[in-house]
N, C-alpha and C. Protein backbone atom coordinates (compact mmCIF):
# COMPACT_ATOMS: atom_id res chain seq x y z
N MET A 1 0.83 -1.19 0.00
CA MET A 1 0.00 0.00 0.00
C MET A 1 0.88 1.25 0.00
N LEU A 2 0.56 2.19 -0.85
CA LEU A 2 1.33 3.42 -0.94
C LEU A 2 0.91 4.41 0.14
N ASN A 3 1.89 5.16 0.61
CA ASN A 3 1.62 6.21 1.58
C ASN A 3 1.19 7.45 0.79
N MET A 4 -0.06 7.79 0.83
CA MET A 4 -0.60 8.88 0.02
C MET A 4 -0.90 10.13 0.86
N LYS A 5 0.02 10.47 1.75
CA LYS A 5 -0.18 11.66 2.57
C LYS A 5 -0.14 12.91 1.69
N ARG A 6 -1.08 13.77 1.92
CA ARG A 6 -1.07 15.05 1.22
C ARG A 6 -0.17 16.01 1.96
N LYS A 7 0.55 16.79 1.20
CA LYS A 7 1.38 17.82 1.80
C LYS A 7 0.44 18.93 2.28
N VAL A 8 0.54 19.24 3.55
CA VAL A 8 -0.30 20.29 4.12
C VAL A 8 0.45 21.61 4.00
N GLU A 9 -0.18 22.56 3.34
CA GLU A 9 0.43 23.88 3.20
C GLU A 9 0.36 24.61 4.54
N PRO A 10 1.44 25.28 4.94
CA PRO A 10 1.41 26.03 6.20
C PRO A 10 0.40 27.18 6.12
N THR A 11 -0.18 27.51 7.25
CA THR A 11 -1.13 28.61 7.32
C THR A 11 -0.47 29.82 7.97
N VAL A 12 -1.03 30.98 7.71
CA VAL A 12 -0.51 32.22 8.28
C VAL A 12 -1.01 32.34 9.71
N ILE A 13 -0.06 32.49 10.63
CA ILE A 13 -0.37 32.65 12.05
C ILE A 13 -0.47 34.13 12.41
N LYS A 14 0.42 34.93 11.83
CA LYS A 14 0.48 36.36 12.16
C LYS A 14 1.01 37.11 10.95
N ARG A 15 0.53 38.36 10.79
CA ARG A 15 1.02 39.27 9.74
C ARG A 15 1.30 40.62 10.38
N PHE A 16 2.38 41.27 9.97
CA PHE A 16 2.68 42.59 10.49
C PHE A 16 3.47 43.38 9.44
N PRO A 17 3.33 44.72 9.45
CA PRO A 17 4.06 45.54 8.48
C PRO A 17 5.57 45.33 8.63
N TYR A 18 6.26 45.34 7.49
CA TYR A 18 7.71 45.15 7.49
C TYR A 18 8.28 45.86 6.27
N TRP A 19 9.48 46.45 6.45
CA TRP A 19 10.09 47.15 5.32
C TRP A 19 10.71 46.17 4.34
N GLU A 20 10.68 46.60 3.07
CA GLU A 20 11.30 45.77 2.02
C GLU A 20 12.81 45.79 2.16
N GLU A 21 13.37 46.96 2.44
CA GLU A 21 14.80 47.14 2.71
C GLU A 21 14.92 47.98 3.97
N PRO A 22 15.87 47.69 4.85
CA PRO A 22 16.01 48.50 6.07
C PRO A 22 16.37 49.95 5.75
N PRO A 23 16.00 50.85 6.63
CA PRO A 23 16.29 52.27 6.38
C PRO A 23 17.77 52.59 6.50
N ALA A 24 18.19 53.57 5.74
CA ALA A 24 19.53 54.12 5.89
C ALA A 24 19.54 54.97 7.15
N PRO A 25 20.70 55.16 7.77
CA PRO A 25 20.75 56.02 8.97
C PRO A 25 20.12 57.38 8.70
N GLY A 26 19.19 57.78 9.55
CA GLY A 26 18.52 59.07 9.43
C GLY A 26 17.40 59.14 8.41
N GLN A 27 17.15 58.06 7.68
CA GLN A 27 16.10 58.06 6.66
C GLN A 27 14.72 58.09 7.32
N ASP A 28 13.80 58.87 6.75
CA ASP A 28 12.42 58.93 7.21
C ASP A 28 11.75 57.59 6.89
N LEU A 29 11.14 56.98 7.88
CA LEU A 29 10.52 55.67 7.69
C LEU A 29 9.34 55.72 6.73
N HIS A 30 8.76 56.90 6.54
CA HIS A 30 7.65 57.03 5.59
C HIS A 30 8.13 56.90 4.15
N GLU A 31 9.43 57.04 3.91
CA GLU A 31 9.98 56.95 2.55
C GLU A 31 10.21 55.50 2.11
N LEU A 32 10.15 54.56 3.03
CA LEU A 32 10.45 53.17 2.72
C LEU A 32 9.33 52.50 1.94
N GLN A 33 9.69 51.42 1.25
CA GLN A 33 8.71 50.55 0.62
C GLN A 33 8.31 49.52 1.68
N TRP A 34 7.01 49.38 1.90
CA TRP A 34 6.53 48.48 2.95
C TRP A 34 5.72 47.34 2.36
N GLY A 35 5.69 46.25 3.08
CA GLY A 35 4.86 45.09 2.77
C GLY A 35 4.50 44.46 4.10
N VAL A 36 4.22 43.16 4.09
CA VAL A 36 3.94 42.47 5.35
C VAL A 36 4.84 41.25 5.50
N MET A 37 5.20 40.98 6.73
CA MET A 37 5.91 39.75 7.05
C MET A 37 4.86 38.80 7.60
N GLU A 38 4.85 37.58 7.07
CA GLU A 38 3.92 36.56 7.54
C GLU A 38 4.68 35.49 8.31
N VAL A 39 4.17 35.16 9.47
CA VAL A 39 4.70 34.06 10.27
C VAL A 39 3.78 32.87 9.99
N LEU A 40 4.37 31.76 9.55
CA LEU A 40 3.59 30.60 9.14
C LEU A 40 3.59 29.50 10.20
N SER A 41 2.63 28.62 10.09
CA SER A 41 2.46 27.54 11.07
C SER A 41 3.64 26.58 11.11
N ASP A 42 4.45 26.54 10.05
CA ASP A 42 5.63 25.67 10.05
C ASP A 42 6.86 26.38 10.61
N LYS A 43 6.63 27.54 11.26
CA LYS A 43 7.66 28.35 11.92
C LYS A 43 8.61 29.04 10.95
N THR A 44 8.18 29.22 9.71
CA THR A 44 8.95 30.00 8.76
C THR A 44 8.31 31.37 8.63
N MET A 45 9.02 32.27 7.97
CA MET A 45 8.50 33.61 7.72
C MET A 45 8.68 33.92 6.26
N ARG A 46 7.78 34.76 5.73
CA ARG A 46 7.93 35.20 4.35
C ARG A 46 7.45 36.64 4.23
N PHE A 47 8.16 37.38 3.38
CA PHE A 47 7.80 38.76 3.11
C PHE A 47 6.87 38.78 1.91
N VAL A 48 5.78 39.56 2.02
CA VAL A 48 4.84 39.70 0.92
C VAL A 48 4.75 41.18 0.57
N LYS A 49 5.08 41.50 -0.67
CA LYS A 49 5.01 42.89 -1.13
C LYS A 49 3.55 43.19 -1.44
N THR A 50 2.91 43.93 -0.55
CA THR A 50 1.49 44.23 -0.68
C THR A 50 1.18 45.52 0.06
N GLU A 51 -0.02 46.04 -0.14
CA GLU A 51 -0.45 47.22 0.59
C GLU A 51 -0.52 46.90 2.08
N VAL A 52 -0.14 47.88 2.89
CA VAL A 52 -0.16 47.72 4.33
C VAL A 52 -1.28 48.61 4.89
N ASP A 53 -1.96 48.12 5.91
CA ASP A 53 -2.99 48.93 6.57
C ASP A 53 -2.34 50.22 7.06
N PRO A 54 -2.81 51.39 6.59
CA PRO A 54 -2.14 52.64 6.93
C PRO A 54 -2.16 52.96 8.43
N VAL A 55 -3.20 52.58 9.13
CA VAL A 55 -3.27 52.84 10.57
C VAL A 55 -2.25 51.97 11.30
N GLU A 56 -2.17 50.71 10.91
CA GLU A 56 -1.21 49.79 11.53
C GLU A 56 0.23 50.23 11.22
N LEU A 57 0.47 50.68 10.00
CA LEU A 57 1.81 51.12 9.61
C LEU A 57 2.20 52.37 10.40
N GLU A 58 1.30 53.33 10.52
CA GLU A 58 1.62 54.55 11.24
C GLU A 58 1.93 54.25 12.71
N ALA A 59 1.17 53.33 13.31
CA ALA A 59 1.42 52.95 14.70
C ALA A 59 2.82 52.32 14.83
N LEU A 60 3.20 51.48 13.88
CA LEU A 60 4.52 50.86 13.91
C LEU A 60 5.61 51.92 13.75
N ILE A 61 5.44 52.83 12.81
CA ILE A 61 6.45 53.88 12.59
C ILE A 61 6.62 54.73 13.84
N GLU A 62 5.53 55.11 14.47
CA GLU A 62 5.62 55.90 15.70
C GLU A 62 6.35 55.13 16.80
N SER A 63 6.07 53.84 16.89
CA SER A 63 6.75 52.99 17.88
C SER A 63 8.25 52.89 17.59
N LEU A 64 8.60 52.74 16.32
CA LEU A 64 10.02 52.63 15.95
C LEU A 64 10.77 53.93 16.16
N LYS A 65 10.12 55.06 15.94
CA LYS A 65 10.76 56.36 16.14
C LYS A 65 11.29 56.49 17.57
N GLY A 66 10.53 55.99 18.53
CA GLY A 66 10.95 56.05 19.92
C GLY A 66 12.18 55.22 20.21
N HIS A 67 12.41 54.17 19.41
CA HIS A 67 13.55 53.29 19.62
C HIS A 67 14.78 53.69 18.80
N MET A 68 14.59 54.60 17.85
CA MET A 68 15.69 54.95 16.94
C MET A 68 16.36 56.26 17.31
N LEU A 69 16.02 56.82 18.46
CA LEU A 69 16.62 58.09 18.86
C LEU A 69 18.06 57.96 19.23
């Protein structure tokens, strides 16, 4: 008998805004190209170049500004 297990595709556990390329020193974070980082059920991560929720992105940028001083 053959083992006919189907490969189960990982599911997205979490998504959050993430920059496509890290900022240069002193660069305004609003100038960056943004997408989302997805954390998958198989414990991998992948970057997806897509529109980011503007409210979520602004909250992240404000949070990062406090850490980049």
